[in-house]
Amino acid sequence: MWAPLMPRLATSHTVIGPDLRGAGGSARPPRGYDKKTLAQDIRGLVRHLGHERVQVVGHDIGLMVAYAYAAQYPAEVSKAVLMDAFLPRVGQWKDVWLLRDLCHFHFYGPTPLALVKGRERVYFEHFWNDFAADKAKSVPEADRRIYATAYARADRMRAGFEYFKAFEQDAKDFAAFAATRLDTPFLVLTGEKASGTFLIEQARMVATNVSGTVVKGSGHWLMEEATDQVVPAIVAFLD
């Protein structure tokens, strides 16, 4: 999903685009999928590569990791971009966590794994189609095949479900983080047909310098649905 953005940033930045623990080519340990730990993973990679101060960009689960990175290491994060989802335990977060249409937040364990096995594409089509303002402008077919194939491999769905299973721990961690508002500049981008102003309002509860934009006509898949709006906004902010 970051392919349209990375070359633009690479003209002026060192760009690191890692898979989180449990995703893609990264390891799939039995635990450690809370966003605090995932941020520590990314920070460890950054330091290993010789960088100390960074800008972080995250979408969905990634935005939670980006915030957790900034909250744990505020002196090391110069800017952060959060894109369309929510922050656990901030404001009225349960209005999203317990929303009927988002039942996947509570869908993990042996029975869900058995139900999805061999039907990974069917499972993900729900998100790609129903969370988009227009499914024809959502995640493209070539990418859908890549994702479905990746998650069909051994232990991938179990690891993917772990991100949601960890939300209760995330809520505890984020409550502690939110006690100290960050001075880090934040750009928050959300889909008009997805989280709307919710994430922007949350970000203003945890940070003092927040620019928020609701991307008109877009659903959840901002990078795919509104590439021409989102990529320039991110590049301008980080530059």
C-alpha atoms as a PDB file:
ATOM      1  CA  MET A   1       0.000   0.000   0.000  1.00  0.00           C
ATOM      2  CA  TRP A   2       2.923   2.363   0.561  1.00  0.00           C
ATOM      3  CA  ALA A   3       4.310   1.943  -2.969  1.00  0.00           C
ATOM      4  CA  PRO A   4       2.926   5.291  -4.250  1.00  0.00           C
ATOM      5  CA  LEU A   5       4.402   7.172  -1.274  1.00  0.00           C
ATOM      6  CA  MET A   6       7.843   5.669  -0.782  1.00  0.00           C
ATOM      7  CA  PRO A   7       9.527   6.873  -4.031  1.00  0.00           C
ATOM      8  CA  ARG A   8       8.262  10.409  -3.413  1.00  0.00           C
ATOM      9  CA  LEU A   9       9.729  10.462   0.085  1.00  0.00           C
ATOM     10  CA  ALA A  10      12.925   8.711  -0.964  1.00  0.00           C
ATOM     11  CA  THR A  11      14.053  11.790  -2.901  1.00  0.00           C
ATOM     12  CA  SER A  12      14.613  13.576   0.405  1.00  0.00           C
ATOM     13  CA  HIS A  13      14.383  10.932   3.143  1.00  0.00           C
ATOM     14  CA  THR A  14      15.671   7.525   4.114  1.00  0.00           C
ATOM     15  CA  VAL A  15      12.500   5.431   3.915  1.00  0.00           C
ATOM     16  CA  ILE A  16      12.036   2.266   5.977  1.00  0.00           C
ATOM     17  CA  GLY A  17       8.854   0.244   5.303  1.00  0.00           C
ATOM     18  CA  PRO A  18       8.889  -2.822   7.569  1.00  0.00           C
ATOM     19  CA  ASP A  19       6.261  -5.487   8.099  1.00  0.00           C
ATOM     20  CA  LEU A  20       5.121  -5.473  11.712  1.00  0.00           C
ATOM     21  CA  ARG A  21       5.691  -8.534  13.846  1.00  0.00           C
ATOM     22  CA  GLY A  22       3.253 -11.164  12.598  1.00  0.00           C
ATOM     23  CA  ALA A  23       2.769  -9.666   9.118  1.00  0.00           C
ATOM     24  CA  GLY A  24       4.343 -10.383   5.739  1.00  0.00           C
ATOM     25  CA  GLY A  25       7.891 -11.641   6.050  1.00  0.00           C
ATOM     26  CA  SER A  26       8.354 -10.766   9.730  1.00  0.00           C
ATOM     27  CA  ALA A  27       8.502 -13.299  12.558  1.00  0.00           C
ATOM     28  CA  ARG A  28       5.291 -14.608  14.146  1.00  0.00           C
ATOM     29  CA  PRO A  29       6.053 -15.196  17.821  1.00  0.00           C
ATOM     30  CA  PRO A  30       3.278 -16.435  20.132  1.00  0.00           C
ATOM     31  CA  ARG A  31       2.868 -13.077  21.865  1.00  0.00           C
ATOM     32  CA  GLY A  32       3.962  -9.441  21.807  1.00  0.00           C
ATOM     33  CA  TYR A  33       1.257  -7.987  19.535  1.00  0.00           C
ATOM     34  CA  ASP A  34       0.362  -5.133  21.826  1.00  0.00           C
ATOM     35  CA  LYS A  35       1.160  -1.858  20.112  1.00  0.00           C
ATOM     36  CA  LYS A  36       3.652  -0.805  22.781  1.00  0.00           C
ATOM     37  CA  THR A  37       5.778  -3.857  21.975  1.00  0.00           C
ATOM     38  CA  LEU A  38       5.323  -3.455  18.227  1.00  0.00           C
ATOM     39  CA  ALA A  39       6.629   0.117  18.531  1.00  0.00           C
ATOM     40  CA  GLN A  40       9.636  -1.191  20.423  1.00  0.00           C
ATOM     41  CA  ASP A  41      10.248  -3.631  17.554  1.00  0.00           C
ATOM     42  CA  ILE A  42      10.270  -0.805  15.022  1.00  0.00           C
ATOM     43  CA  ARG A  43      12.450   1.376  17.203  1.00  0.00           C
ATOM     44  CA  GLY A  44      14.916  -1.505  17.550  1.00  0.00           C
ATOM     45  CA  LEU A  45      15.059  -1.839  13.765  1.00  0.00           C
ATOM     46  CA  VAL A  46      15.548   1.910  13.333  1.00  0.00           C
ATOM     47  CA  ARG A  47      18.390   1.983  15.840  1.00  0.00           C
ATOM     48  CA  HIS A  48      19.979  -1.112  14.305  1.00  0.00           C
ATOM     49  CA  LEU A  49      20.031   0.703  10.962  1.00  0.00           C
ATOM     50  CA  GLY A  50      21.835   3.616  12.568  1.00  0.00           C
ATOM     51  CA  HIS A  51      19.037   6.161  12.920  1.00  0.00           C
ATOM     52  CA  GLU A  52      18.078   7.932  16.128  1.00  0.00           C
ATOM     53  CA  ARG A  53      15.458  10.542  15.191  1.00  0.00           C
ATOM     54  CA  VAL A  54      12.590   9.628  12.875  1.00  0.00           C
ATOM     55  CA  GLN A  55       9.254  10.574  11.402  1.00  0.00           C
ATOM     56  CA  VAL A  56       6.635   7.826  11.668  1.00  0.00           C
ATOM     57  CA  VAL A  57       3.635   7.123   9.449  1.00  0.00           C
ATOM     58  CA  GLY A  58       0.977   4.533  10.217  1.00  0.00           C
ATOM     59  CA  HIS A  59      -2.414   3.406   8.924  1.00  0.00           C
ATOM     60  CA  ASP A  60      -4.962   1.432  10.998  1.00  0.00           C
ATOM     61  CA  ILE A  61      -2.992  -0.857  13.367  1.00  0.00           C
ATOM     62  CA  GLY A  62       0.100   0.989  12.158  1.00  0.00           C
ATOM     63  CA  LEU A  63      -1.223   4.324  13.444  1.00  0.00           C
ATOM     64  CA  MET A  64      -1.506   2.792  16.916  1.00  0.00           C
ATOM     65  CA  VAL A  65       2.113   1.664  16.612  1.00  0.00           C
ATOM     66  CA  ALA A  66       3.160   5.115  15.389  1.00  0.00           C
ATOM     67  CA  TYR A  67       1.493   6.776  18.372  1.00  0.00           C
ATOM     68  CA  ALA A  68       3.009   4.233  20.780  1.00  0.00           C
ATOM     69  CA  TYR A  69       6.440   4.975  19.275  1.00  0.00           C
ATOM     70  CA  ALA A  70       6.008   8.729  19.781  1.00  0.00           C
ATOM     71  CA  ALA A  71       4.593   8.268  23.278  1.00  0.00           C
ATOM     72  CA  GLN A  72       7.460   6.053  24.438  1.00  0.00           C
ATOM     73  CA  TYR A  73      10.266   7.951  22.689  1.00  0.00           C
ATOM     74  CA  PRO A  74       9.042  11.548  22.231  1.00  0.00           C
ATOM     75  CA  ALA A  75      12.556  12.953  21.880  1.00  0.00           C
ATOM     76  CA  GLU A  76      13.197  10.574  18.958  1.00  0.00           C
ATOM     77  CA  VAL A  77      10.085  11.344  16.875  1.00  0.00           C
ATOM     78  CA  SER A  78      10.048  14.671  15.049  1.00  0.00           C
ATOM     79  CA  LYS A  79       6.668  14.181  13.310  1.00  0.00           C
ATOM     80  CA  ALA A  80       3.937  11.549  13.132  1.00  0.00           C
ATOM     81  CA  VAL A  81       1.163  10.754  10.653  1.00  0.00           C
ATOM     82  CA  LEU A  82      -1.896   8.797  11.824  1.00  0.00           C
ATOM     83  CA  MET A  83      -4.314   7.438   9.230  1.00  0.00           C
ATOM     84  CA  ASP A  84      -7.896   6.247   9.772  1.00  0.00           C
ATOM     85  CA  ALA A  85      -8.712   4.011  12.722  1.00  0.00           C
ATOM     86  CA  PHE A  86      -8.705   4.843  16.433  1.00  0.00           C
ATOM     87  CA  LEU A  87      -6.596   5.009  19.594  1.00  0.00           C
ATOM     88  CA  PRO A  88      -7.558   2.470  22.283  1.00  0.00           C
ATOM     89  CA  ARG A  89      -8.698   3.927  25.620  1.00  0.00           C
ATOM     90  CA  VAL A  90      -8.707   7.531  24.391  1.00  0.00           C
ATOM     91  CA  GLY A  91     -12.001   9.415  24.672  1.00  0.00           C
ATOM     92  CA  GLN A  92     -15.077   7.462  23.585  1.00  0.00           C
ATOM     93  CA  TRP A  93     -13.001   4.685  22.053  1.00  0.00           C
ATOM     94  CA  LYS A  94     -15.512   1.980  22.998  1.00  0.00           C
ATOM     95  CA  ASP A  95     -17.979   3.560  20.561  1.00  0.00           C
ATOM     96  CA  VAL A  96     -15.689   2.110  17.883  1.00  0.00           C
ATOM     97  CA  TRP A  97     -14.351  -0.989  19.648  1.00  0.00           C
ATOM     98  CA  LEU A  98     -17.866  -2.279  20.382  1.00  0.00           C
ATOM     99  CA  LEU A  99     -19.503  -1.134  17.146  1.00  0.00           C
ATOM    100  CA  ARG A 100     -21.615  -3.951  15.742  1.00  0.00           C
ATOM    101  CA  ASP A 101     -20.230  -3.568  12.219  1.00  0.00           C
ATOM    102  CA  LEU A 102     -16.666  -4.029  13.536  1.00  0.00           C
ATOM    103  CA  CYS A 103     -17.131  -7.499  14.999  1.00  0.00           C
ATOM    104  CA  HIS A 104     -13.670  -8.512  13.728  1.00  0.00           C
ATOM    105  CA  PHE A 105     -12.170  -6.778  16.782  1.00  0.00           C
ATOM    106  CA  HIS A 106     -13.489  -9.714  18.828  1.00  0.00           C
ATOM    107  CA  PHE A 107     -12.968 -12.469  16.251  1.00  0.00           C
ATOM    108  CA  TYR A 108      -9.985 -14.601  17.233  1.00  0.00           C
ATOM    109  CA  GLY A 109      -9.198 -18.014  18.670  1.00  0.00           C
ATOM    110  CA  PRO A 110      -9.524 -21.606  17.403  1.00  0.00           C
ATOM    111  CA  THR A 111     -13.061 -21.349  15.989  1.00  0.00           C
ATOM    112  CA  PRO A 112     -12.504 -18.157  13.949  1.00  0.00           C
ATOM    113  CA  LEU A 113      -9.244 -19.618  12.658  1.00  0.00           C
ATOM    114  CA  ALA A 114     -11.053 -22.779  11.537  1.00  0.00           C
ATOM    115  CA  LEU A 115     -13.799 -20.755   9.856  1.00  0.00           C
ATOM    116  CA  VAL A 116     -11.340 -18.600   7.894  1.00  0.00           C
ATOM    117  CA  LYS A 117      -8.883 -21.355   6.925  1.00  0.00           C
ATOM    118  CA  GLY A 118      -8.992 -21.763   3.158  1.00  0.00           C
ATOM    119  CA  ARG A 119     -11.333 -18.767   2.887  1.00  0.00           C
ATOM    120  CA  GLU A 120      -8.838 -15.979   3.592  1.00  0.00           C
ATOM    121  CA  ARG A 121      -9.784 -14.094   0.436  1.00  0.00           C
ATOM    122  CA  VAL A 122     -13.474 -14.198   1.380  1.00  0.00           C
ATOM    123  CA  TYR A 123     -12.688 -12.853   4.843  1.00  0.00           C
ATOM    124  CA  PHE A 124     -10.603  -9.947   3.557  1.00  0.00           C
ATOM    125  CA  GLU A 125     -13.053  -9.032   0.794  1.00  0.00           C
ATOM    126  CA  HIS A 126     -15.385  -7.845   3.553  1.00  0.00           C
ATOM    127  CA  PHE A 127     -12.843  -5.232   4.642  1.00  0.00           C
ATOM    128  CA  TRP A 128     -11.653  -4.242   1.181  1.00  0.00           C
ATOM    129  CA  ASN A 129     -15.199  -3.818  -0.167  1.00  0.00           C
ATOM    130  CA  ASP A 130     -17.319  -2.783   2.805  1.00  0.00           C
ATOM    131  CA  PHE A 131     -14.852  -0.358   4.382  1.00  0.00           C
ATOM    132  CA  ALA A 132     -14.330   1.516   1.112  1.00  0.00           C
ATOM    133  CA  ALA A 133     -16.501   4.370  -0.107  1.00  0.00           C
ATOM    134  CA  ASP A 134     -16.416   2.683  -3.522  1.00  0.00           C
ATOM    135  CA  LYS A 135     -15.136  -0.897  -3.699  1.00  0.00           C
ATOM    136  CA  ALA A 136     -14.014  -0.308  -7.287  1.00  0.00           C
ATOM    137  CA  LYS A 137     -11.509   2.260  -5.977  1.00  0.00           C
ATOM    138  CA  SER A 138     -10.354   0.185  -3.016  1.00  0.00           C
ATOM    139  CA  VAL A 139      -7.402  -2.228  -2.767  1.00  0.00           C
ATOM    140  CA  PRO A 140      -6.538  -3.294  -6.349  1.00  0.00           C
ATOM    141  CA  GLU A 141      -6.850  -6.880  -7.529  1.00  0.00           C
ATOM    142  CA  ALA A 142      -3.099  -7.516  -7.758  1.00  0.00           C
ATOM    143  CA  ASP A 143      -2.641  -6.460  -4.136  1.00  0.00           C
ATOM    144  CA  ARG A 144      -5.625  -8.512  -3.000  1.00  0.00           C
ATOM    145  CA  ARG A 145      -3.989 -11.620  -4.424  1.00  0.00           C
ATOM    146  CA  ILE A 146      -0.735 -10.842  -2.628  1.00  0.00           C
ATOM    147  CA  TYR A 147      -2.460 -10.306   0.723  1.00  0.00           C
ATOM    148  CA  ALA A 148      -4.699 -13.363   0.433  1.00  0.00           C
ATOM    149  CA  THR A 149      -1.767 -15.592  -0.507  1.00  0.00           C
ATOM    150  CA  ALA A 150       0.342 -14.243   2.349  1.00  0.00           C
ATOM    151  CA  TYR A 151      -2.346 -14.816   4.968  1.00  0.00           C
ATOM    152  CA  ALA A 152      -3.123 -18.293   3.668  1.00  0.00           C
ATOM    153  CA  ARG A 153       0.350 -19.431   4.719  1.00  0.00           C
ATOM    154  CA  ALA A 154       0.832 -21.287   7.993  1.00  0.00           C
ATOM    155  CA  ASP A 155       0.190 -19.304  11.179  1.00  0.00           C
ATOM    156  CA  ARG A 156      -0.428 -16.008   9.369  1.00  0.00           C
ATOM    157  CA  MET A 157      -4.095 -15.604  10.305  1.00  0.00           C
ATOM    158  CA  ARG A 158      -3.404 -16.463  13.927  1.00  0.00           C
ATOM    159  CA  ALA A 159      -0.789 -13.717  14.035  1.00  0.00           C
ATOM    160  CA  GLY A 160      -3.154 -11.293  12.295  1.00  0.00           C
ATOM    161  CA  PHE A 161      -5.893 -11.923  14.850  1.00  0.00           C
ATOM    162  CA  GLU A 162      -3.413 -11.210  17.644  1.00  0.00           C
ATOM    163  CA  TYR A 163      -3.464  -7.482  16.802  1.00  0.00           C
ATOM    164  CA  PHE A 164      -7.138  -7.349  17.825  1.00  0.00           C
ATOM    165  CA  LYS A 165      -6.750  -9.693  20.769  1.00  0.00           C
ATOM    166  CA  ALA A 166      -4.211  -7.246  22.228  1.00  0.00           C
ATOM    167  CA  PHE A 167      -6.602  -4.273  22.291  1.00  0.00           C
ATOM    168  CA  GLU A 168      -7.416  -4.688  25.988  1.00  0.00           C
ATOM    169  CA  GLN A 169      -3.713  -4.480  26.843  1.00  0.00           C
ATOM    170  CA  ASP A 170      -3.370  -1.582  24.426  1.00  0.00           C
ATOM    171  CA  ALA A 171      -6.137   0.223  26.290  1.00  0.00           C
ATOM    172  CA  LYS A 172      -4.172  -0.023  29.530  1.00  0.00           C
ATOM    173  CA  ASP A 173      -0.948   1.135  27.883  1.00  0.00           C
ATOM    174  CA  PHE A 174      -2.572   3.977  25.969  1.00  0.00           C
ATOM    175  CA  ALA A 175      -4.334   5.256  29.078  1.00  0.00           C
ATOM    176  CA  ALA A 176      -0.901   5.682  30.634  1.00  0.00           C
ATOM    177  CA  PHE A 177       0.511   7.272  27.479  1.00  0.00           C
ATOM    178  CA  ALA A 178      -2.387   9.724  27.218  1.00  0.00           C
ATOM    179  CA  ALA A 179      -1.710  11.088  30.692  1.00  0.00           C
ATOM    180  CA  THR A 180       1.103  13.133  29.106  1.00  0.00           C
ATOM    181  CA  ARG A 181       0.158  15.151  26.027  1.00  0.00           C
ATOM    182  CA  LEU A 182       2.836  15.136  23.350  1.00  0.00           C
ATOM    183  CA  ASP A 183       4.307  18.228  21.694  1.00  0.00           C
ATOM    184  CA  THR A 184       5.212  16.191  18.597  1.00  0.00           C
ATOM    185  CA  PRO A 185       3.510  17.575  15.456  1.00  0.00           C
ATOM    186  CA  PHE A 186       0.819  15.158  14.245  1.00  0.00           C
ATOM    187  CA  LEU A 187      -0.951  14.973  10.893  1.00  0.00           C
ATOM    188  CA  VAL A 188      -4.177  12.980  11.076  1.00  0.00           C
ATOM    189  CA  LEU A 189      -5.816  11.837   7.834  1.00  0.00           C
ATOM    190  CA  THR A 190      -9.201  10.112   7.926  1.00  0.00           C
ATOM    191  CA  GLY A 191     -11.791   8.951   5.440  1.00  0.00           C
ATOM    192  CA  GLU A 192     -15.062  10.845   5.231  1.00  0.00           C
ATOM    193  CA  LYS A 193     -16.885   7.518   4.829  1.00  0.00           C
ATOM    194  CA  ALA A 194     -14.836   5.837   7.577  1.00  0.00           C
ATOM    195  CA  SER A 195     -13.629   7.325  10.882  1.00  0.00           C
ATOM    196  CA  GLY A 196     -14.565  10.900   9.975  1.00  0.00           C
ATOM    197  CA  THR A 197     -13.494  13.337  12.690  1.00  0.00           C
ATOM    198  CA  PHE A 198     -13.208  10.691  15.420  1.00  0.00           C
ATOM    199  CA  LEU A 199      -9.459  10.021  15.191  1.00  0.00           C
ATOM    200  CA  ILE A 200      -8.724  13.737  14.798  1.00  0.00           C
ATOM    201  CA  GLU A 201     -10.578  14.434  18.038  1.00  0.00           C
ATOM    202  CA  GLN A 202      -8.724  11.610  19.786  1.00  0.00           C
ATOM    203  CA  ALA A 203      -5.356  12.897  18.595  1.00  0.00           C
ATOM    204  CA  ARG A 204      -6.111  16.329  20.052  1.00  0.00           C
ATOM    205  CA  MET A 205      -6.619  14.676  23.424  1.00  0.00           C
ATOM    206  CA  VAL A 206      -3.103  13.186  23.397  1.00  0.00           C
ATOM    207  CA  ALA A 207      -1.081  15.825  21.519  1.00  0.00           C
ATOM    208  CA  THR A 208      -0.884  19.617  21.495  1.00  0.00           C
ATOM    209  CA  ASN A 209       0.029  20.144  17.819  1.00  0.00           C
ATOM    210  CA  VAL A 210      -2.446  18.318  15.575  1.00  0.00           C
ATOM    211  CA  SER A 211      -3.428  19.035  11.972  1.00  0.00           C
ATOM    212  CA  GLY A 212      -6.459  17.038  10.911  1.00  0.00           C
ATOM    213  CA  THR A 213      -7.940  16.428   7.467  1.00  0.00           C
ATOM    214  CA  VAL A 214     -11.039  14.448   6.593  1.00  0.00           C
ATOM    215  CA  VAL A 215     -10.458  13.186   3.051  1.00  0.00           C
ATOM    216  CA  LYS A 216     -13.676  13.824   1.171  1.00  0.00           C
ATOM    217  CA  GLY A 217     -15.241  10.904  -0.622  1.00  0.00           C
ATOM    218  CA  SER A 218     -12.819   8.318   0.790  1.00  0.00           C
ATOM    219  CA  GLY A 219     -13.442   5.306   2.923  1.00  0.00           C
ATOM    220  CA  HIS A 220     -10.898   3.526   5.115  1.00  0.00           C
ATOM    221  CA  TRP A 221      -8.365   2.702   2.383  1.00  0.00           C
ATOM    222  CA  LEU A 222      -6.921   6.189   2.062  1.00  0.00           C
ATOM    223  CA  MET A 223      -3.769   5.272   0.167  1.00  0.00           C
ATOM    224  CA  GLU A 224      -5.742   3.411  -2.497  1.00  0.00           C
ATOM    225  CA  GLU A 225      -8.964   5.446  -2.611  1.00  0.00           C
ATOM    226  CA  ALA A 226      -7.443   8.925  -2.462  1.00  0.00           C
ATOM    227  CA  THR A 227      -3.821   8.540  -3.553  1.00  0.00           C
ATOM    228  CA  ASP A 228      -3.718  11.925  -5.274  1.00  0.00           C
ATOM    229  CA  GLN A 229      -4.851  13.697  -2.107  1.00  0.00           C
ATOM    230  CA  VAL A 230      -3.088  11.666   0.545  1.00  0.00           C
ATOM    231  CA  VAL A 231       0.426  11.282  -0.869  1.00  0.00           C
ATOM    232  CA  PRO A 232       0.988  15.037  -1.425  1.00  0.00           C
ATOM    233  CA  ALA A 233      -0.390  15.800   2.054  1.00  0.00           C
ATOM    234  CA  ILE A 234       2.006  13.383   3.728  1.00  0.00           C
ATOM    235  CA  VAL A 235       4.995  14.532   1.672  1.00  0.00           C
ATOM    236  CA  ALA A 236       4.275  18.210   2.394  1.00  0.00           C
ATOM    237  CA  PHE A 237       3.920  17.546   6.117  1.00  0.00           C
ATOM    238  CA  LEU A 238       7.084  15.478   6.430  1.00  0.00           C
ATOM    239  CA  ASP A 239       9.106  17.918   4.311  1.00  0.00           C
END
